[in-house]
Amino acid sequence: MADRIAENFEKFHAENPHVFEMFSRFAIEMWLRREHGSASLIFERMRWEFMLDTGHDAPRLNNNYRALYAREWEGRNPNRRGFFRKRIRRANTIDSTAFDKTED
């Protein structure tokens, strides 16, 4: 079974590069002030910013993409790996109580 969330994320991410730019800006602001970050908090701030009009059409931010944006950001910023606490992600089964011990 294909990972539909990841497939949909990749399409959304490619079509909305300004979303990652905003996520990255807010993640850096958080990183400068805190030991660990919250992708959920960043998503809510992004919704607020889009509501106030950023000059872009407001994309619908799917909560399923929060961890994928966190992983994308850490992948592009390896010196900040582990900033976001993430669960182990499996395409077919997601154990919501299991956390990734490798900070991957």
Protein backbone atom coordinates (compact mmCIF):
# COMPACT_ATOMS: atom_id res chain seq x y z
CA MET A 1 0.00 0.00 0.00
CA ALA A 2 1.40 3.37 -1.00
CA ASP A 3 1.84 6.13 1.54
CA ARG A 4 -0.90 8.48 0.37
CA ILE A 5 -0.11 11.12 2.98
CA ALA A 6 3.49 11.36 1.77
CA GLU A 7 2.40 11.37 -1.88
CA ASN A 8 -0.13 14.15 -1.25
CA PHE A 9 2.45 16.06 0.79
CA GLU A 10 5.01 15.92 -2.04
CA LYS A 11 2.46 17.31 -4.49
CA PHE A 12 1.34 20.05 -2.08
CA HIS A 13 4.95 20.90 -1.20
CA ALA A 14 5.91 21.24 -4.88
CA GLU A 15 2.89 23.42 -5.65
CA ASN A 16 3.28 25.66 -2.57
CA PRO A 17 6.96 26.48 -1.97
CA HIS A 18 5.95 29.59 0.00
CA VAL A 19 4.50 27.30 2.70
CA PHE A 20 7.88 25.72 3.41
CA GLU A 21 9.55 29.14 3.30
CA MET A 22 7.16 30.37 6.00
CA PHE A 23 7.53 27.16 8.03
CA SER A 24 11.30 27.52 7.86
CA ARG A 25 11.24 31.16 8.94
CA PHE A 26 9.09 30.37 11.96
CA ALA A 27 11.13 27.26 12.81
CA ILE A 28 14.31 29.35 12.88
CA GLU A 29 12.64 31.94 15.11
CA MET A 30 11.60 29.17 17.48
CA TRP A 31 15.02 27.47 17.33
CA LEU A 32 16.70 30.70 18.41
CA ARG A 33 14.56 30.81 21.56
CA ARG A 34 13.80 27.22 22.53
CA GLU A 35 15.53 23.88 22.92
CA HIS A 36 12.73 22.00 21.13
CA GLY A 37 10.08 23.10 18.69
CA SER A 38 6.48 22.37 17.85
CA ALA A 39 5.41 21.88 14.25
CA SER A 40 1.80 22.15 15.47
CA LEU A 41 2.44 25.59 16.90
CA ILE A 42 4.15 26.67 13.68
CA PHE A 43 1.17 25.44 11.64
CA GLU A 44 -1.25 27.45 13.77
CA ARG A 45 0.91 30.56 13.38
CA MET A 46 1.03 29.97 9.63
CA ARG A 47 -2.76 29.76 9.53
CA TRP A 48 -2.88 33.07 11.39
CA GLU A 49 -0.42 34.70 8.99
CA PHE A 50 -2.29 33.44 5.93
CA MET A 51 -5.54 34.72 7.44
CA LEU A 52 -3.96 38.18 7.77
CA ASP A 53 -2.99 38.01 4.08
CA THR A 54 0.56 37.32 3.10
CA GLY A 55 0.13 38.12 -0.57
CA HIS A 56 -0.40 34.44 -1.42
CA ASP A 57 -3.60 32.54 -1.81
CA ALA A 58 -4.15 30.87 1.54
CA PRO A 59 -3.40 27.17 1.11
CA ARG A 60 -5.33 24.61 3.11
CA LEU A 61 -2.78 23.35 5.63
CA ASN A 62 -3.40 19.67 6.26
CA ASN A 63 -2.41 18.66 9.79
CA ASN A 64 -1.10 15.38 8.35
CA TYR A 65 1.75 17.38 6.83
CA ARG A 66 3.09 18.86 10.09
CA ALA A 67 5.57 16.07 10.80
CA LEU A 68 6.59 15.90 7.15
CA TYR A 69 7.42 19.62 7.17
CA ALA A 70 9.36 19.13 10.41
CA ARG A 71 11.33 16.28 8.82
CA GLU A 72 11.91 18.31 5.65
CA TRP A 73 13.19 21.25 7.69
CA GLU A 74 15.52 19.09 9.77
CA GLY A 75 16.73 17.36 6.60
CA ARG A 76 17.73 20.71 5.16
CA ASN A 77 19.21 21.82 8.49
CA PRO A 78 21.18 18.82 9.78
CA ASN A 79 22.77 20.86 12.56
CA ARG A 80 19.26 21.23 14.01
CA ARG A 81 18.26 17.55 13.89
CA GLY A 82 16.18 16.55 16.86
CA PHE A 83 14.68 20.02 17.31
CA PHE A 84 11.23 18.59 16.61
CA ARG A 85 10.08 15.56 18.57
CA LYS A 86 8.64 13.12 16.06
CA ARG A 87 6.82 9.83 16.17
CA ILE A 88 8.02 6.87 14.16
CA ARG A 89 6.24 7.07 10.82
CA ARG A 90 4.98 4.01 9.00
CA ALA A 91 2.87 4.09 5.85
CA ASN A 92 0.51 1.27 6.85
CA THR A 93 0.57 1.47 10.63
CA ILE A 94 1.20 4.48 12.76
CA ASP A 95 1.76 3.80 16.45
CA SER A 96 0.87 7.13 17.99
CA THR A 97 2.58 6.19 21.25
CA ALA A 98 5.97 5.31 19.73
CA PHE A 99 8.52 8.07 19.41
CA ASP A 100 11.51 8.05 17.15
CA LYS A 101 14.52 7.43 19.38
CA THR A 102 17.00 8.18 16.59
CA GLU A 103 15.70 11.74 16.13
CA ASP A 104 15.41 11.02 12.45
